[in-house]
Amino acid sequence: MTSGEGPRPPDIAGRLEAQLRRSILKRRAVKLARPLDKPEIPPGRQYVLFVLSRQTFAFDVNYVEEVFQIKSVLPVPGTPPYIVGIASLRGPLISIVDLRHLCNLHEKAVMGSDKTLIMRNGLMRVGVMADDVTGLEFVPDSDITTDSPIFSHIPRRFVEGITREGTIILNCSNLFTMEALEVNE
């Protein structure tokens, strides 16, 4: 545009061509667009897997608050063998439980290298010793069976089932109740 000329008339042909191009591209996009195929997830739950006496166990993730390395446990005289003692968890004291005794595994716990799963069931909060915590895993309900001789030594009310890979799923609602962990000595 030079200084002596007035405003240039709008380029109607250019605008129509751009609109036509956008319209064609939009129709193509709509034609090609399709909903994403989401994989069908079977019914199941997420579990925290941990090792105890060379056997893999699992807790429903909804009961696990955190994994913590307990530095020291203060034994409490007169408690049953499954109560290791009490420990401070950043201030509050919690009971530390060794499931080896409740699950009749009879292998001695090694203090110092153990991880502790901090569990919560309602108002009850307890630490559960583990040799190792291996991670989280989604397990479809269809992969769990309730008939297996592998967990015959564990009280039936504490077992929810066993996976195809041999992971024993523990029933947290039965295991972490005042009645199950009550000290009667």
N, C-alpha and C. Protein backbone atom coordinates (compact mmCIF):
# COMPACT_ATOMS: atom_id res chain seq x y z
N MET A 1 0.85 -1.16 0.00
CA MET A 1 0.00 0.00 0.00
C MET A 1 0.90 1.23 0.00
N THR A 2 0.59 2.14 -0.84
CA THR A 2 1.38 3.38 -0.91
C THR A 2 0.65 4.46 -0.16
N SER A 3 1.33 5.56 0.09
CA SER A 3 0.76 6.61 0.92
C SER A 3 -0.42 7.32 0.27
N GLY A 4 -0.52 7.34 -1.03
CA GLY A 4 -1.58 8.07 -1.70
C GLY A 4 -2.82 7.24 -1.91
N GLU A 5 -2.78 5.96 -1.67
CA GLU A 5 -3.94 5.11 -1.94
C GLU A 5 -4.79 4.97 -0.69
N GLY A 6 -6.04 4.72 -0.87
CA GLY A 6 -6.94 4.49 0.23
C GLY A 6 -6.82 3.04 0.72
N PRO A 7 -7.65 2.67 1.68
CA PRO A 7 -7.58 1.31 2.19
C PRO A 7 -7.88 0.30 1.09
N ARG A 8 -7.18 -0.78 1.15
CA ARG A 8 -7.30 -1.84 0.16
C ARG A 8 -8.60 -2.60 0.39
N PRO A 9 -9.37 -2.91 -0.65
CA PRO A 9 -10.63 -3.64 -0.44
C PRO A 9 -10.33 -5.04 0.08
N PRO A 10 -11.17 -5.52 0.98
CA PRO A 10 -10.93 -6.85 1.53
C PRO A 10 -10.89 -7.90 0.43
N ASP A 11 -10.03 -8.86 0.63
CA ASP A 11 -9.86 -9.93 -0.35
C ASP A 11 -10.92 -10.99 -0.09
N ILE A 12 -12.07 -10.79 -0.72
CA ILE A 12 -13.22 -11.68 -0.50
C ILE A 12 -12.91 -13.08 -1.00
N ALA A 13 -12.27 -13.19 -2.11
CA ALA A 13 -11.95 -14.51 -2.66
C ALA A 13 -11.01 -15.26 -1.72
N GLY A 14 -10.04 -14.57 -1.13
CA GLY A 14 -9.10 -15.21 -0.19
C GLY A 14 -9.79 -15.69 1.07
N ARG A 15 -10.72 -14.87 1.58
CA ARG A 15 -11.46 -15.27 2.79
C ARG A 15 -12.37 -16.46 2.50
N LEU A 16 -13.03 -16.47 1.36
CA LEU A 16 -13.89 -17.60 1.00
C LEU A 16 -13.08 -18.88 0.85
N GLU A 17 -11.93 -18.74 0.23
CA GLU A 17 -11.06 -19.91 0.05
C GLU A 17 -10.61 -20.44 1.41
N ALA A 18 -10.26 -19.57 2.35
CA ALA A 18 -9.82 -19.99 3.69
C ALA A 18 -10.98 -20.67 4.44
N GLN A 19 -12.19 -20.10 4.32
CA GLN A 19 -13.36 -20.71 4.98
C GLN A 19 -13.66 -22.08 4.38
N LEU A 20 -13.58 -22.18 3.06
CA LEU A 20 -13.82 -23.45 2.38
C LEU A 20 -12.79 -24.49 2.85
N ARG A 21 -11.54 -24.08 2.92
CA ARG A 21 -10.48 -24.98 3.36
C ARG A 21 -10.74 -25.46 4.80
N ARG A 22 -11.12 -24.52 5.71
CA ARG A 22 -11.43 -24.88 7.11
C ARG A 22 -12.63 -25.83 7.16
N SER A 23 -13.64 -25.58 6.33
CA SER A 23 -14.83 -26.42 6.30
C SER A 23 -14.48 -27.84 5.85
N ILE A 24 -13.66 -27.93 4.81
CA ILE A 24 -13.25 -29.25 4.31
C ILE A 24 -12.44 -30.00 5.38
N LEU A 25 -11.51 -29.30 6.01
CA LEU A 25 -10.68 -29.93 7.05
C LEU A 25 -11.52 -30.36 8.24
N LYS A 26 -12.53 -29.54 8.60
CA LYS A 26 -13.40 -29.87 9.72
C LYS A 26 -14.21 -31.13 9.41
N ARG A 27 -14.76 -31.22 8.19
CA ARG A 27 -15.52 -32.41 7.80
C ARG A 27 -14.65 -33.65 7.83
N ARG A 28 -13.41 -33.52 7.32
CA ARG A 28 -12.47 -34.66 7.35
C ARG A 28 -12.18 -35.09 8.79
N ALA A 29 -11.95 -34.09 9.65
CA ALA A 29 -11.64 -34.39 11.05
C ALA A 29 -12.79 -35.12 11.72
N VAL A 30 -14.02 -34.64 11.48
CA VAL A 30 -15.20 -35.29 12.07
C VAL A 30 -15.34 -36.71 11.54
N LYS A 31 -15.10 -36.89 10.25
CA LYS A 31 -15.22 -38.20 9.62
C LYS A 31 -14.18 -39.18 10.18
N LEU A 32 -12.96 -38.68 10.37
CA LEU A 32 -11.88 -39.54 10.86
C LEU A 32 -11.90 -39.74 12.37
N ALA A 33 -12.50 -38.80 13.07
CA ALA A 33 -12.52 -38.88 14.53
C ALA A 33 -13.40 -40.04 14.97
N ARG A 34 -12.92 -40.76 15.95
CA ARG A 34 -13.71 -41.84 16.55
C ARG A 34 -13.34 -41.90 18.02
N PRO A 35 -14.23 -42.38 18.82
CA PRO A 35 -13.91 -42.44 20.25
C PRO A 35 -12.74 -43.40 20.49
N LEU A 36 -11.94 -43.05 21.48
CA LEU A 36 -10.82 -43.92 21.84
C LEU A 36 -11.36 -45.22 22.42
N ASP A 37 -10.79 -46.31 22.00
CA ASP A 37 -11.18 -47.59 22.55
C ASP A 37 -10.47 -47.77 23.89
N LYS A 38 -11.24 -47.73 24.96
CA LYS A 38 -10.67 -47.93 26.29
C LYS A 38 -10.64 -49.43 26.56
N PRO A 39 -9.53 -49.92 27.06
CA PRO A 39 -9.49 -51.35 27.37
C PRO A 39 -10.48 -51.63 28.50
N GLU A 40 -11.16 -52.73 28.37
CA GLU A 40 -12.13 -53.10 29.38
C GLU A 40 -11.39 -53.65 30.60
N ILE A 41 -11.61 -53.02 31.73
CA ILE A 41 -10.95 -53.44 32.97
C ILE A 41 -11.90 -54.35 33.72
N PRO A 42 -11.45 -55.57 34.01
CA PRO A 42 -12.32 -56.48 34.75
C PRO A 42 -12.46 -56.02 36.20
N PRO A 43 -13.51 -56.46 36.87
CA PRO A 43 -13.67 -56.11 38.29
C PRO A 43 -12.48 -56.65 39.07
N GLY A 44 -11.99 -55.86 39.97
CA GLY A 44 -10.86 -56.26 40.79
C GLY A 44 -10.46 -55.13 41.72
N ARG A 45 -9.31 -55.31 42.38
CA ARG A 45 -8.84 -54.30 43.33
C ARG A 45 -7.33 -54.13 43.23
N GLN A 46 -6.86 -53.04 43.79
CA GLN A 46 -5.44 -52.74 43.86
C GLN A 46 -4.92 -53.27 45.20
N TYR A 47 -3.76 -53.90 45.17
CA TYR A 47 -3.17 -54.49 46.38
C TYR A 47 -1.73 -54.04 46.57
N VAL A 48 -1.30 -53.96 47.84
CA VAL A 48 0.10 -53.74 48.19
C VAL A 48 0.69 -55.12 48.44
N LEU A 49 1.74 -55.46 47.67
CA LEU A 49 2.37 -56.77 47.81
C LEU A 49 3.58 -56.67 48.72
N PHE A 50 3.74 -57.67 49.58
CA PHE A 50 4.88 -57.71 50.48
C PHE A 50 5.30 -59.15 50.71
N VAL A 51 6.54 -59.31 51.13
CA VAL A 51 7.11 -60.65 51.34
C VAL A 51 7.28 -60.88 52.83
N LEU A 52 6.92 -62.08 53.24
CA LEU A 52 7.05 -62.50 54.63
C LEU A 52 7.44 -63.97 54.60
N SER A 53 8.61 -64.29 55.13
CA SER A 53 9.10 -65.68 55.15
C SER A 53 9.08 -66.31 53.76
N ARG A 54 9.59 -65.59 52.78
CA ARG A 54 9.72 -66.03 51.39
C ARG A 54 8.38 -66.30 50.70
N GLN A 55 7.29 -65.86 51.27
CA GLN A 55 5.96 -66.00 50.68
C GLN A 55 5.42 -64.59 50.39
N THR A 56 4.80 -64.41 49.22
CA THR A 56 4.23 -63.11 48.87
C THR A 56 2.79 -63.02 49.38
N PHE A 57 2.52 -61.92 50.06
CA PHE A 57 1.19 -61.63 50.59
C PHE A 57 0.72 -60.31 50.00
N ALA A 58 -0.57 -60.03 50.17
CA ALA A 58 -1.13 -58.77 49.66
C ALA A 58 -2.18 -58.25 50.61
N PHE A 59 -2.18 -56.91 50.75
CA PHE A 59 -3.21 -56.19 51.49
C PHE A 59 -3.94 -55.29 50.51
N ASP A 60 -5.25 -55.16 50.69
CA ASP A 60 -6.02 -54.20 49.91
C ASP A 60 -5.43 -52.82 50.17
N VAL A 61 -5.16 -52.07 49.11
CA VAL A 61 -4.48 -50.77 49.21
C VAL A 61 -5.26 -49.78 50.08
N ASN A 62 -6.56 -49.97 50.21
CA ASN A 62 -7.38 -49.06 51.01
C ASN A 62 -7.07 -49.12 52.50
N TYR A 63 -6.42 -50.19 52.95
CA TYR A 63 -6.08 -50.33 54.36
C TYR A 63 -4.65 -49.87 54.67
N VAL A 64 -3.82 -49.71 53.65
CA VAL A 64 -2.42 -49.37 53.86
C VAL A 64 -2.25 -47.85 53.81
N GLU A 65 -1.76 -47.30 54.91
CA GLU A 65 -1.52 -45.86 54.99
C GLU A 65 -0.17 -45.49 54.39
N GLU A 66 0.87 -46.25 54.75
CA GLU A 66 2.21 -45.96 54.28
C GLU A 66 3.13 -47.13 54.61
N VAL A 67 4.33 -47.08 54.03
CA VAL A 67 5.38 -48.04 54.36
C VAL A 67 6.44 -47.24 55.11
N PHE A 68 6.89 -47.79 56.23
CA PHE A 68 7.78 -47.06 57.12
C PHE A 68 8.88 -47.98 57.60
N GLN A 69 10.08 -47.45 57.75
CA GLN A 69 11.20 -48.23 58.32
C GLN A 69 11.23 -47.92 59.81
N ILE A 70 10.82 -48.88 60.61
CA ILE A 70 10.82 -48.70 62.06
C ILE A 70 12.25 -48.90 62.56
N LYS A 71 12.76 -47.90 63.26
CA LYS A 71 14.14 -47.96 63.73
C LYS A 71 14.28 -48.82 64.99
N SER A 72 13.36 -48.67 65.92
CA SER A 72 13.44 -49.47 67.14
C SER A 72 12.04 -49.75 67.66
N VAL A 73 11.91 -50.93 68.24
CA VAL A 73 10.63 -51.37 68.79
C VAL A 73 10.85 -51.66 70.27
N LEU A 74 10.00 -51.12 71.09
CA LEU A 74 10.07 -51.35 72.53
C LEU A 74 9.17 -52.53 72.88
N PRO A 75 9.77 -53.64 73.34
CA PRO A 75 8.94 -54.81 73.70
C PRO A 75 8.02 -54.48 74.87
N VAL A 76 6.85 -55.09 74.86
CA VAL A 76 5.89 -54.91 75.94
C VAL A 76 5.73 -56.26 76.63
N PRO A 77 6.13 -56.34 77.91
CA PRO A 77 6.03 -57.63 78.63
C PRO A 77 4.59 -58.13 78.71
N GLY A 78 4.45 -59.44 78.64
CA GLY A 78 3.14 -60.08 78.81
C GLY A 78 2.26 -60.08 77.58
N THR A 79 2.81 -59.71 76.43
CA THR A 79 2.00 -59.73 75.21
C THR A 79 2.25 -61.02 74.45
N PRO A 80 1.31 -61.43 73.61
CA PRO A 80 1.50 -62.65 72.83
C PRO A 80 2.63 -62.48 71.81
N PRO A 81 3.11 -63.59 71.25
CA PRO A 81 4.25 -63.52 70.33
C PRO A 81 4.01 -62.68 69.08
N TYR A 82 2.77 -62.52 68.64
CA TYR A 82 2.53 -61.73 67.43
C TYR A 82 2.63 -60.23 67.69
N ILE A 83 2.61 -59.79 68.93
CA ILE A 83 2.82 -58.37 69.25
C ILE A 83 4.31 -58.20 69.53
N VAL A 84 5.03 -57.58 68.60
CA VAL A 84 6.46 -57.38 68.75
C VAL A 84 6.74 -56.31 69.80
N GLY A 85 5.89 -55.30 69.85
CA GLY A 85 6.05 -54.21 70.80
C GLY A 85 5.38 -52.96 70.29
N ILE A 86 5.88 -51.82 70.77
CA ILE A 86 5.36 -50.54 70.32
C ILE A 86 6.51 -49.71 69.74
N ALA A 87 6.17 -48.81 68.84
CA ALA A 87 7.17 -47.95 68.22
C ALA A 87 6.56 -46.57 68.01
N SER A 88 7.44 -45.58 67.94
CA SER A 88 7.00 -44.21 67.67
C SER A 88 6.96 -43.99 66.17
N LEU A 89 5.84 -43.49 65.72
CA LEU A 89 5.69 -43.16 64.31
C LEU A 89 5.54 -41.64 64.23
N ARG A 90 6.66 -40.96 64.18
CA ARG A 90 6.70 -39.50 64.18
C ARG A 90 5.85 -38.91 65.30
N GLY A 91 5.97 -39.49 66.48
CA GLY A 91 5.26 -38.99 67.64
C GLY A 91 4.34 -40.03 68.26
N PRO A 92 3.18 -40.31 67.63
CA PRO A 92 2.25 -41.28 68.22
C PRO A 92 2.84 -42.70 68.28
N LEU A 93 2.49 -43.43 69.32
CA LEU A 93 2.94 -44.82 69.46
C LEU A 93 1.94 -45.73 68.77
N ILE A 94 2.47 -46.74 68.08
CA ILE A 94 1.61 -47.74 67.45
C ILE A 94 2.12 -49.13 67.82
N SER A 95 1.22 -50.08 67.84
CA SER A 95 1.60 -51.48 68.07
C SER A 95 2.21 -52.05 66.81
N ILE A 96 3.26 -52.87 66.97
CA ILE A 96 3.91 -53.51 65.84
C ILE A 96 3.58 -55.00 65.92
N VAL A 97 3.03 -55.52 64.83
CA VAL A 97 2.57 -56.90 64.76
C VAL A 97 3.46 -57.69 63.80
N ASP A 98 3.77 -58.92 64.17
CA ASP A 98 4.50 -59.84 63.29
C ASP A 98 3.51 -60.90 62.83
N LEU A 99 3.11 -60.83 61.57
CA LEU A 99 2.11 -61.77 61.03
C LEU A 99 2.62 -63.20 60.95
N ARG A 100 3.93 -63.40 61.08
CA ARG A 100 4.48 -64.77 61.02
C ARG A 100 3.80 -65.65 62.06
N HIS A 101 3.52 -65.07 63.22
CA HIS A 101 2.87 -65.84 64.29
C HIS A 101 1.38 -66.06 64.01
N LEU A 102 0.71 -65.02 63.54
CA LEU A 102 -0.72 -65.16 63.24
C LEU A 102 -0.96 -66.09 62.05
N CYS A 103 0.02 -66.13 61.12
CA CYS A 103 -0.12 -66.97 59.92
C CYS A 103 0.64 -68.29 60.06
N ASN A 104 1.12 -68.58 61.25
CA ASN A 104 1.82 -69.84 61.55
C ASN A 104 3.00 -70.09 60.62
N LEU A 105 3.81 -69.07 60.37
CA LEU A 105 4.97 -69.22 59.49
C LEU A 105 6.23 -69.57 60.30
N HIS A 106 6.26 -69.23 61.56
CA HIS A 106 7.31 -69.65 62.51
C HIS A 106 8.73 -69.37 62.07
N GLU A 107 8.94 -68.38 61.28
CA GLU A 107 10.31 -67.98 60.95
C GLU A 107 10.60 -66.70 61.72
N LYS A 108 11.75 -66.62 62.32
CA LYS A 108 12.11 -65.48 63.16
C LYS A 108 12.24 -64.21 62.34
N ALA A 109 11.68 -63.13 62.86
CA ALA A 109 11.80 -61.82 62.22
C ALA A 109 13.21 -61.29 62.44
N VAL A 110 13.70 -60.57 61.44
CA VAL A 110 15.02 -59.95 61.54
C VAL A 110 14.82 -58.46 61.71
N MET A 111 15.01 -57.97 62.93
CA MET A 111 14.83 -56.53 63.19
C MET A 111 15.96 -55.74 62.54
N GLY A 112 15.65 -54.54 62.13
CA GLY A 112 16.66 -53.66 61.54
C GLY A 112 16.52 -53.58 60.03
N SER A 113 16.22 -54.70 59.38
CA SER A 113 16.09 -54.68 57.92
C SER A 113 14.62 -54.72 57.50
N ASP A 114 13.74 -54.83 58.47
CA ASP A 114 12.32 -54.97 58.15
C ASP A 114 11.66 -53.65 57.82
N LYS A 115 10.77 -53.71 56.86
CA LYS A 115 9.90 -52.57 56.56
C LYS A 115 8.60 -52.83 57.31
N THR A 116 7.90 -51.77 57.60
CA THR A 116 6.64 -51.89 58.32
C THR A 116 5.54 -51.22 57.52
N LEU A 117 4.46 -51.94 57.30
CA LEU A 117 3.29 -51.37 56.63
C LEU A 117 2.39 -50.81 57.73
N ILE A 118 2.09 -49.54 57.61
CA ILE A 118 1.21 -48.90 58.58
C ILE A 118 -0.22 -49.09 58.06
N MET A 119 -1.00 -49.83 58.85
CA MET A 119 -2.35 -50.21 58.45
C MET A 119 -3.37 -49.43 59.28
N ARG A 120 -4.52 -49.17 58.65
CA ARG A 120 -5.61 -48.51 59.36
C ARG A 120 -6.91 -49.22 59.01
N ASN A 121 -7.65 -49.55 60.05
CA ASN A 121 -8.98 -50.11 59.90
C ASN A 121 -9.89 -49.33 60.85
N GLY A 122 -10.56 -48.34 60.32
CA GLY A 122 -11.37 -47.47 61.17
C GLY A 122 -10.45 -46.66 62.06
N LEU A 123 -10.66 -46.75 63.36
CA LEU A 123 -9.83 -46.01 64.31
C LEU A 123 -8.57 -46.78 64.69
N MET A 124 -8.52 -48.07 64.38
CA MET A 124 -7.37 -48.89 64.74
C MET A 124 -6.22 -48.66 63.76
N ARG A 125 -5.04 -48.43 64.31
CA ARG A 125 -3.84 -48.21 63.50
C ARG A 125 -2.74 -49.10 64.06
N VAL A 126 -2.11 -49.87 63.18
CA VAL A 126 -1.12 -50.86 63.62
C VAL A 126 -0.03 -50.97 62.56
N GLY A 127 1.18 -51.31 63.00
CA GLY A 127 2.28 -51.54 62.07
C GLY A 127 2.46 -53.03 61.86
N VAL A 128 2.65 -53.44 60.60
CA VAL A 128 2.83 -54.86 60.27
C VAL A 128 4.23 -55.03 59.68
N MET A 129 5.04 -55.87 60.31
CA MET A 129 6.40 -56.10 59.84
C MET A 129 6.38 -56.90 58.54
N ALA A 130 7.32 -56.58 57.65
CA ALA A 130 7.46 -57.31 56.38
C ALA A 130 8.95 -57.41 56.05
N ASP A 131 9.33 -58.50 55.38
CA ASP A 131 10.71 -58.63 54.94
C ASP A 131 11.00 -57.66 53.80
N ASP A 132 10.01 -57.46 52.94
CA ASP A 132 10.16 -56.54 51.81
C ASP A 132 8.77 -56.14 51.32
N VAL A 133 8.67 -54.94 50.78
CA VAL A 133 7.43 -54.49 50.14
C VAL A 133 7.76 -54.39 48.65
N THR A 134 7.05 -55.18 47.84
CA THR A 134 7.42 -55.29 46.42
C THR A 134 6.65 -54.38 45.49
N GLY A 135 5.57 -53.77 45.94
CA GLY A 135 4.88 -52.80 45.10
C GLY A 135 3.37 -52.93 45.12
N LEU A 136 2.76 -52.25 44.14
CA LEU A 136 1.31 -52.26 43.96
C LEU A 136 0.96 -53.11 42.76
N GLU A 137 -0.18 -53.78 42.83
CA GLU A 137 -0.62 -54.60 41.70
C GLU A 137 -2.14 -54.64 41.66
N PHE A 138 -2.69 -54.47 40.46
CA PHE A 138 -4.13 -54.64 40.26
C PHE A 138 -4.37 -56.13 40.04
N VAL A 139 -5.30 -56.70 40.79
CA VAL A 139 -5.62 -58.12 40.64
C VAL A 139 -7.10 -58.25 40.31
N PRO A 140 -7.41 -58.78 39.13
CA PRO A 140 -8.83 -59.01 38.79
C PRO A 140 -9.43 -60.05 39.73
N ASP A 141 -10.70 -59.86 40.06
CA ASP A 141 -11.39 -60.81 40.94
C ASP A 141 -11.34 -62.23 40.38
N SER A 142 -11.36 -62.35 39.06
CA SER A 142 -11.35 -63.69 38.44
C SER A 142 -10.02 -64.42 38.63
N ASP A 143 -8.96 -63.70 38.99
CA ASP A 143 -7.65 -64.33 39.22
C ASP A 143 -7.47 -64.83 40.65
N ILE A 144 -8.50 -64.68 41.48
CA ILE A 144 -8.40 -65.06 42.89
C ILE A 144 -9.25 -66.30 43.13
N THR A 145 -8.65 -67.29 43.77
CA THR A 145 -9.38 -68.49 44.16
C THR A 145 -9.36 -68.61 45.68
N THR A 146 -10.36 -69.26 46.23
CA THR A 146 -10.42 -69.42 47.68
C THR A 146 -10.07 -70.84 48.11
N ASP A 147 -9.85 -71.72 47.14
CA ASP A 147 -9.52 -73.10 47.45
C ASP A 147 -8.06 -73.37 47.11
N SER A 148 -7.23 -73.50 48.13
CA SER A 148 -5.83 -73.81 47.91
C SER A 148 -5.23 -74.40 49.18
N PRO A 149 -4.46 -75.46 49.03
CA PRO A 149 -3.81 -76.04 50.21
C PRO A 149 -2.64 -75.19 50.71
N ILE A 150 -2.19 -74.21 49.92
CA ILE A 150 -1.03 -73.40 50.29
C ILE A 150 -1.28 -72.65 51.59
N PHE A 151 -2.48 -72.14 51.80
CA PHE A 151 -2.72 -71.37 53.01
C PHE A 151 -3.51 -72.14 54.05
N SER A 152 -3.40 -73.44 54.08
CA SER A 152 -4.13 -74.24 55.06
C SER A 152 -3.63 -73.98 56.48
N HIS A 153 -2.38 -73.52 56.63
CA HIS A 153 -1.82 -73.25 57.95
C HIS A 153 -2.23 -71.88 58.50
N ILE A 154 -2.81 -71.04 57.66
CA ILE A 154 -3.24 -69.72 58.09
C ILE A 154 -4.71 -69.80 58.49
N PRO A 155 -5.08 -69.20 59.64
CA PRO A 155 -6.50 -69.22 60.01
C PRO A 155 -7.37 -68.69 58.87
N ARG A 156 -8.38 -69.44 58.50
CA ARG A 156 -9.22 -69.17 57.33
C ARG A 156 -9.83 -67.76 57.33
N ARG A 157 -10.18 -67.26 58.51
CA ARG A 157 -10.82 -65.94 58.56
C ARG A 157 -9.87 -64.80 58.17
N PHE A 158 -8.56 -65.08 58.16
CA PHE A 158 -7.58 -64.05 57.80
C PHE A 158 -7.25 -64.06 56.31
N VAL A 159 -7.75 -65.06 55.56
CA VAL A 159 -7.39 -65.21 54.14
C VAL A 159 -8.60 -64.90 53.26
N GLU A 160 -8.37 -64.02 52.29
CA GLU A 160 -9.41 -63.69 51.32
C GLU A 160 -9.32 -64.61 50.10
N GLY A 161 -8.08 -64.99 49.74
CA GLY A 161 -7.89 -65.86 48.59
C GLY A 161 -6.44 -65.90 48.18
N ILE A 162 -6.19 -66.56 47.04
CA ILE A 162 -4.84 -66.66 46.51
C ILE A 162 -4.89 -66.41 45.01
N THR A 163 -3.88 -65.70 44.49
CA THR A 163 -3.86 -65.40 43.06
C THR A 163 -3.26 -66.56 42.29
N ARG A 164 -3.35 -66.50 40.97
CA ARG A 164 -2.76 -67.54 40.12
C ARG A 164 -1.25 -67.62 40.31
N GLU A 165 -0.62 -66.49 40.66
CA GLU A 165 0.83 -66.45 40.86
C GLU A 165 1.23 -66.93 42.25
N GLY A 166 0.26 -67.22 43.12
CA GLY A 166 0.57 -67.73 44.46
C GLY A 166 0.63 -66.67 45.54
N THR A 167 0.18 -65.45 45.25
CA THR A 167 0.14 -64.39 46.26
C THR A 167 -1.08 -64.60 47.14
N ILE A 168 -0.85 -64.66 48.45
CA ILE A 168 -1.94 -64.84 49.41
C ILE A 168 -2.50 -63.48 49.77
N ILE A 169 -3.78 -63.29 49.50
CA ILE A 169 -4.46 -62.03 49.81
C ILE A 169 -5.08 -62.15 51.18
N LEU A 170 -4.64 -61.28 52.08
CA LEU A 170 -5.13 -61.31 53.45
C LEU A 170 -6.38 -60.44 53.60
N ASN A 171 -7.28 -60.87 54.45
CA ASN A 171 -8.54 -60.17 54.70
C ASN A 171 -8.30 -59.15 55.80
N CYS A 172 -8.09 -57.91 55.43
CA CYS A 172 -7.75 -56.85 56.38
C CYS A 172 -8.87 -56.56 57.37
N SER A 173 -10.11 -56.63 56.90
CA SER A 173 -11.21 -56.31 57.81
C SER A 173 -11.33 -57.34 58.94
N ASN A 174 -10.93 -58.58 58.71
CA ASN A 174 -10.94 -59.59 59.78
C ASN A 174 -9.64 -59.58 60.58
N LEU A 175 -8.54 -59.32 59.90
CA LEU A 175 -7.22 -59.37 60.55
C LEU A 175 -7.00 -58.19 61.48
N PHE A 176 -7.43 -57.02 61.07
CA PHE A 176 -7.18 -55.82 61.87
C PHE A 176 -8.42 -55.37 62.59
N THR A 177 -8.86 -56.22 63.50
CA THR A 177 -9.97 -55.88 64.40
C THR A 177 -9.46 -56.01 65.82
N MET A 178 -10.12 -55.38 66.72
CA MET A 178 -9.72 -55.47 68.13
C MET A 178 -9.80 -56.92 68.62
N GLU A 179 -10.79 -57.67 68.11
CA GLU A 179 -10.95 -59.06 68.55
C GLU A 179 -9.79 -59.93 68.07
N ALA A 180 -9.35 -59.74 66.82
CA ALA A 180 -8.27 -60.57 66.27
C ALA A 180 -6.94 -60.27 66.94
N LEU A 181 -6.70 -59.03 67.32
CA LEU A 181 -5.42 -58.65 67.89
C LEU A 181 -5.50 -58.44 69.41
N GLU A 182 -6.60 -58.85 70.01
CA GLU A 182 -6.78 -58.68 71.44
C GLU A 182 -5.79 -59.51 72.23
N VAL A 183 -5.23 -58.91 73.26
CA VAL A 183 -4.28 -59.59 74.12
C VAL A 183 -5.06 -60.16 75.30
N ASN A 184 -5.10 -61.49 75.41
CA ASN A 184 -5.84 -62.16 76.48
C ASN A 184 -4.92 -62.85 77.47
N GLU A 185 -3.75 -62.35 77.66
CA GLU A 185 -2.81 -63.01 78.59
C GLU A 185 -2.59 -62.18 79.82
